Each structure stands twice: as C-alpha cells, then as structure tokens.
Amino acid sequence: MGDLPVRPDTPCVAVCSTTFDEICRGCGRTVVEVAHWVSMSADQKELVWQRILAQGYPRRNT
C-alpha cells in the first residue's frame, strides 16, 4: 500500500457494544477484526480504517 496515513494505534473509543449484530457500535469493526487487531498487518489495519471512516466511525457516546 505504500505510505500509510498516521493513525491511532486502534480505532477503539471505549464504547464497546455488539449487542444487536457483529459490528461494534463504537469503532465500527467486526468482532473478528477486534479480536485479531493486534496480529493484523499495517496494510490490513489501513483497509479496516478506510472502511470504518467511510461508514462514519469511530463514534463516541453512541
């Protein structure tokens, strides 16, 4: 992917909830993405960042 943008270590905003589906209401990641975040490559994380930002995440106090 080349030069990746500078991002926080994680999109987590400590508003964790997957009560109604597999997507966290705070950060927008799937349960699998949250579970595997620490072992994902920078390129994999960037793809997740791009998707969640396009979807309006991360959200605080939602």
C-alpha atoms as a PDB file:
ATOM      1  CA  MET A   1       0.000   0.000   0.000  1.00  0.00           C
ATOM      2  CA  GLY A   2       2.982   2.318   0.191  1.00  0.00           C
ATOM      3  CA  ASP A   3       2.982   5.213   2.606  1.00  0.00           C
ATOM      4  CA  LEU A   4       0.182   4.723   5.084  1.00  0.00           C
ATOM      5  CA  PRO A   5      -1.500   7.645   6.868  1.00  0.00           C
ATOM      6  CA  VAL A   6      -0.672   8.188  10.522  1.00  0.00           C
ATOM      7  CA  ARG A   7      -3.464   6.680  12.590  1.00  0.00           C
ATOM      8  CA  PRO A   8      -4.037   5.997  16.288  1.00  0.00           C
ATOM      9  CA  ASP A   9      -2.981   2.521  17.438  1.00  0.00           C
ATOM     10  CA  THR A  10      -6.612   1.406  17.415  1.00  0.00           C
ATOM     11  CA  PRO A  11      -9.982   2.840  16.403  1.00  0.00           C
ATOM     12  CA  CYS A  12     -11.413   1.793  19.806  1.00  0.00           C
ATOM     13  CA  VAL A  13     -13.226   4.626  21.601  1.00  0.00           C
ATOM     14  CA  ALA A  14     -14.196   2.564  24.692  1.00  0.00           C
ATOM     15  CA  VAL A  15     -17.849   2.467  23.621  1.00  0.00           C
ATOM     16  CA  CYS A  16     -17.920  -1.269  23.034  1.00  0.00           C
ATOM     17  CA  SER A  17     -21.194  -2.906  22.070  1.00  0.00           C
ATOM     18  CA  THR A  18     -22.035  -5.715  19.691  1.00  0.00           C
ATOM     19  CA  THR A  19     -25.440  -6.377  21.251  1.00  0.00           C
ATOM     20  CA  PHE A  20     -27.501  -6.431  18.060  1.00  0.00           C
ATOM     21  CA  ASP A  21     -25.010  -7.596  15.428  1.00  0.00           C
ATOM     22  CA  GLU A  22     -21.346  -8.368  14.789  1.00  0.00           C
ATOM     23  CA  ILE A  23     -20.325  -4.699  14.412  1.00  0.00           C
ATOM     24  CA  CYS A  24     -19.087  -2.649  17.358  1.00  0.00           C
ATOM     25  CA  ARG A  25     -21.282   0.426  17.830  1.00  0.00           C
ATOM     26  CA  GLY A  26     -18.262   2.460  18.956  1.00  0.00           C
ATOM     27  CA  CYS A  27     -15.484   1.729  16.483  1.00  0.00           C
ATOM     28  CA  GLY A  28     -17.306   0.024  13.610  1.00  0.00           C
ATOM     29  CA  ARG A  29     -15.062  -3.017  13.494  1.00  0.00           C
ATOM     30  CA  THR A  30     -16.396  -6.540  13.284  1.00  0.00           C
ATOM     31  CA  VAL A  31     -15.976  -8.892  16.225  1.00  0.00           C
ATOM     32  CA  VAL A  32     -13.305 -10.754  14.225  1.00  0.00           C
ATOM     33  CA  GLU A  33     -11.420  -7.532  13.422  1.00  0.00           C
ATOM     34  CA  VAL A  34     -11.416  -6.541  17.093  1.00  0.00           C
ATOM     35  CA  ALA A  35     -10.185  -9.990  18.128  1.00  0.00           C
ATOM     36  CA  HIS A  36      -7.383 -10.066  15.552  1.00  0.00           C
ATOM     37  CA  TRP A  37      -6.398  -6.372  15.555  1.00  0.00           C
ATOM     38  CA  VAL A  38      -3.062  -6.872  17.336  1.00  0.00           C
ATOM     39  CA  SER A  39      -1.937  -9.509  14.834  1.00  0.00           C
ATOM     40  CA  MET A  40      -3.093  -7.676  11.688  1.00  0.00           C
ATOM     41  CA  SER A  41      -0.549  -6.093   9.357  1.00  0.00           C
ATOM     42  CA  ALA A  42      -0.440  -2.324   8.886  1.00  0.00           C
ATOM     43  CA  ASP A  43      -1.972  -2.758   5.415  1.00  0.00           C
ATOM     44  CA  GLN A  44      -4.830  -4.870   6.806  1.00  0.00           C
ATOM     45  CA  LYS A  45      -5.481  -2.305   9.535  1.00  0.00           C
ATOM     46  CA  GLU A  46      -5.493   0.507   6.973  1.00  0.00           C
ATOM     47  CA  LEU A  47      -8.193  -1.266   4.952  1.00  0.00           C
ATOM     48  CA  VAL A  48     -10.317  -1.503   8.094  1.00  0.00           C
ATOM     49  CA  TRP A  49      -9.637   2.169   8.911  1.00  0.00           C
ATOM     50  CA  GLN A  50     -10.719   3.230   5.420  1.00  0.00           C
ATOM     51  CA  ARG A  51     -13.968   1.259   5.657  1.00  0.00           C
ATOM     52  CA  ILE A  52     -14.945   2.408   9.147  1.00  0.00           C
ATOM     53  CA  LEU A  53     -14.140   6.061   8.424  1.00  0.00           C
ATOM     54  CA  ALA A  54     -16.264   5.903   5.269  1.00  0.00           C
ATOM     55  CA  GLN A  55     -19.094   4.494   7.395  1.00  0.00           C
ATOM     56  CA  GLY A  56     -18.871   7.314   9.948  1.00  0.00           C
ATOM     57  CA  TYR A  57     -16.907   5.544  12.660  1.00  0.00           C
ATOM     58  CA  PRO A  58     -15.381   5.693  15.188  1.00  0.00           C
ATOM     59  CA  ARG A  59     -18.215   7.185  17.234  1.00  0.00           C
ATOM     60  CA  ARG A  60     -18.128   8.380  20.802  1.00  0.00           C
ATOM     61  CA  ASN A  61     -21.119   8.206  23.152  1.00  0.00           C
ATOM     62  CA  THR A  62     -23.440   6.437  20.719  1.00  0.00           C
END
